[in-house]
Amino acid sequence: MERRFEKDVIPACEELGIGFVPFSPLASGFLSGKVEADTEYVGDDVRRVITRFDPRNIAANQPLLDLITGFAQENGATPAQISLAWMLHKNDFIVPILGSRQLDRIQENLGAAEVELTDEQFSRIEAELASIQIHGDRTDEDIAKLPQRQ
């Protein structure tokens, strides 16, 4: 959901021959297709302060999930696997760091390595992503807005 690194950081990594490790490549679960607008986050779950998880923004960001879900159906994969396969197809030096709390999620995510997007599919995803506006802020922007503890 955060593509700003594609403008300068990823090209710099490519030029310098260094790897890029995307943080939270599934957008804290949003790109898995398992996040719902009525989900409540409590305790130390950072999604409670990320405005992308506000119910209005979850609904506003649905076109992104619809895009990914369509490609998932086309490829017999899950939305999470398509998201990861897109990253893996993009550049060989991009290595997403995945969550590892639940075994079934680990297995699903590892399955992304078996999903091979064609160049045509990749180009279609890129073109459609360019037209989708993401609503809500990322983690660090939201946390910076929280009142500071004294």
Protein backbone atom coordinates (compact mmCIF):
# COMPACT_ATOMS: atom_id res chain seq x y z
CA MET A 1 0.00 0.00 0.00
CA GLU A 2 3.02 2.25 0.44
CA ARG A 3 4.70 2.75 -2.92
CA ARG A 4 6.78 5.86 -2.31
CA PHE A 5 9.97 3.79 -2.03
CA GLU A 6 9.62 2.82 -5.68
CA LYS A 7 10.50 6.37 -6.72
CA ASP A 8 14.00 6.65 -5.30
CA VAL A 9 14.91 4.05 -2.67
CA ILE A 10 14.39 0.94 -4.80
CA PRO A 11 16.20 2.43 -7.82
CA ALA A 12 19.09 3.39 -5.49
CA CYS A 13 19.19 -0.17 -4.12
CA GLU A 14 19.31 -1.52 -7.65
CA GLU A 15 22.07 0.89 -8.66
CA LEU A 16 24.14 0.07 -5.57
CA GLY A 17 23.51 -3.68 -5.76
CA ILE A 18 21.92 -3.92 -2.33
CA GLY A 19 18.74 -5.62 -1.19
CA PHE A 20 15.47 -4.01 -0.19
CA VAL A 21 13.38 -5.57 2.58
CA PRO A 22 9.82 -4.22 2.62
CA PHE A 23 8.40 -3.84 6.13
CA SER A 24 4.90 -5.22 6.56
CA PRO A 25 4.53 -6.24 2.92
CA LEU A 26 0.92 -7.31 3.46
CA ALA A 27 0.04 -3.94 5.02
CA SER A 28 -0.61 -5.36 8.50
CA GLY A 29 -2.95 -7.94 7.01
CA PHE A 30 -5.01 -5.67 4.75
CA LEU A 31 -3.61 -7.22 1.56
CA SER A 32 -4.51 -10.70 2.80
CA GLY A 33 -8.18 -9.89 2.26
CA LYS A 34 -8.95 -10.89 5.82
CA VAL A 35 -9.39 -7.40 7.30
CA GLU A 36 -12.95 -6.20 7.72
CA ALA A 37 -14.23 -2.71 8.44
CA ASP A 38 -15.83 -3.81 11.71
CA THR A 39 -12.67 -5.40 13.13
CA GLU A 40 -11.68 -3.77 16.41
CA TYR A 41 -8.04 -3.60 17.42
CA VAL A 42 -7.16 -3.43 21.09
CA GLY A 43 -4.17 -3.35 23.38
CA ASP A 44 -0.82 -2.95 21.67
CA ASP A 45 -2.11 -3.82 18.19
CA VAL A 46 -0.65 -0.96 16.16
CA ARG A 47 -3.56 -1.12 13.69
CA ARG A 48 -5.69 0.72 16.26
CA VAL A 49 -3.74 3.92 15.46
CA ILE A 50 -3.13 3.43 11.75
CA THR A 51 -5.76 5.45 9.93
CA ARG A 52 -5.70 2.98 7.04
CA PHE A 53 -7.60 0.68 9.40
CA ASP A 54 -10.34 3.20 10.06
CA PRO A 55 -13.57 1.61 8.75
CA ARG A 56 -14.06 4.44 6.22
CA ASN A 57 -10.55 3.96 4.85
CA ILE A 58 -10.90 0.19 4.68
CA ALA A 59 -13.96 0.75 2.48
CA ALA A 60 -12.18 3.44 0.44
CA ASN A 61 -9.21 1.13 -0.15
CA GLN A 62 -11.43 -1.71 -1.38
CA PRO A 63 -10.47 -1.13 -5.05
CA LEU A 64 -6.93 -2.25 -4.19
CA LEU A 65 -8.20 -5.41 -2.58
CA ASP A 66 -10.59 -6.03 -5.50
CA LEU A 67 -7.65 -5.77 -7.91
CA ILE A 68 -5.55 -8.23 -5.95
CA THR A 69 -8.46 -10.61 -5.41
CA GLY A 70 -9.17 -10.67 -9.15
CA PHE A 71 -5.60 -11.71 -9.91
CA ALA A 72 -5.75 -14.24 -7.07
CA GLN A 73 -8.78 -15.90 -8.67
CA GLU A 74 -7.10 -15.80 -12.08
CA ASN A 75 -4.02 -17.58 -10.67
CA GLY A 76 -5.59 -19.98 -8.16
CA ALA A 77 -3.87 -18.12 -5.34
CA THR A 78 -4.78 -15.99 -2.34
CA PRO A 79 -4.67 -12.18 -2.27
CA ALA A 80 -1.66 -12.36 0.08
CA GLN A 81 0.17 -14.62 -2.36
CA ILE A 82 -0.52 -12.28 -5.28
CA SER A 83 0.73 -9.29 -3.28
CA LEU A 84 3.95 -11.13 -2.45
CA ALA A 85 4.32 -12.57 -5.97
CA TRP A 86 4.04 -9.03 -7.37
CA MET A 87 6.91 -7.90 -5.09
CA LEU A 88 9.00 -10.93 -5.99
CA HIS A 89 8.38 -10.34 -9.72
CA LYS A 90 9.26 -6.65 -9.46
CA ASN A 91 12.96 -7.09 -8.69
CA ASP A 92 15.09 -10.00 -7.58
CA PHE A 93 16.70 -7.95 -4.80
CA ILE A 94 13.36 -7.28 -3.06
CA VAL A 95 12.88 -9.74 -0.22
CA PRO A 96 9.70 -9.16 1.82
CA ILE A 97 9.91 -9.81 5.55
CA LEU A 98 6.82 -11.76 6.55
CA GLY A 99 4.93 -12.15 9.78
CA SER A 100 5.40 -15.48 11.48
CA ARG A 101 2.89 -15.72 14.32
CA GLN A 102 0.57 -18.29 12.75
CA LEU A 103 1.66 -21.46 10.97
CA ASP A 104 -1.16 -21.32 8.41
CA ARG A 105 -0.17 -17.76 7.44
CA ILE A 106 3.49 -18.80 7.12
CA GLN A 107 2.50 -21.63 4.80
CA GLU A 108 0.20 -19.37 2.77
CA ASN A 109 2.93 -16.73 2.43
CA LEU A 110 5.55 -19.29 1.41
CA GLY A 111 3.14 -20.39 -1.33
CA ALA A 112 3.70 -17.02 -3.01
CA ALA A 113 7.03 -18.37 -4.28
CA GLU A 114 5.03 -20.85 -6.38
CA VAL A 115 2.86 -18.13 -7.95
CA GLU A 116 4.40 -17.01 -11.21
CA LEU A 117 2.88 -13.86 -12.60
CA THR A 118 3.34 -13.44 -16.33
CA ASP A 119 4.94 -10.24 -17.55
CA GLU A 120 1.53 -9.28 -18.97
CA GLN A 121 -0.18 -9.85 -15.59
CA PHE A 122 2.55 -7.89 -13.84
CA SER A 123 2.11 -4.99 -16.29
CA ARG A 124 -1.66 -5.03 -15.78
CA ILE A 125 -1.22 -4.94 -11.99
CA GLU A 126 1.27 -2.06 -12.29
CA ALA A 127 -1.07 -0.08 -14.56
CA GLU A 128 -4.08 -0.58 -12.32
CA LEU A 129 -2.13 0.16 -9.13
CA ALA A 130 -1.10 3.50 -10.60
CA SER A 131 -4.76 4.54 -10.78
CA ILE A 132 -5.69 3.56 -7.21
CA GLN A 133 -5.52 6.17 -4.47
CA ILE A 134 -4.70 4.82 -1.01
CA HIS A 135 -6.62 6.35 1.88
CA GLY A 136 -5.21 6.74 5.40
CA ASP A 137 -1.72 7.10 6.78
CA ARG A 138 1.08 4.66 7.39
CA THR A 139 2.25 3.58 10.82
CA ASP A 140 4.97 6.10 11.52
CA GLU A 141 2.86 9.04 10.39
CA ASP A 142 0.02 8.04 12.70
CA ILE A 143 2.18 7.29 15.71
CA ALA A 144 3.81 10.71 15.36
CA LYS A 145 0.33 12.25 15.69
CA LEU A 146 -0.39 10.56 19.03
CA PRO A 147 -0.07 12.67 22.17
CA GLN A 148 3.34 12.18 23.72
CA ARG A 149 3.53 10.64 27.20
CA GLN A 150 4.90 12.92 29.88
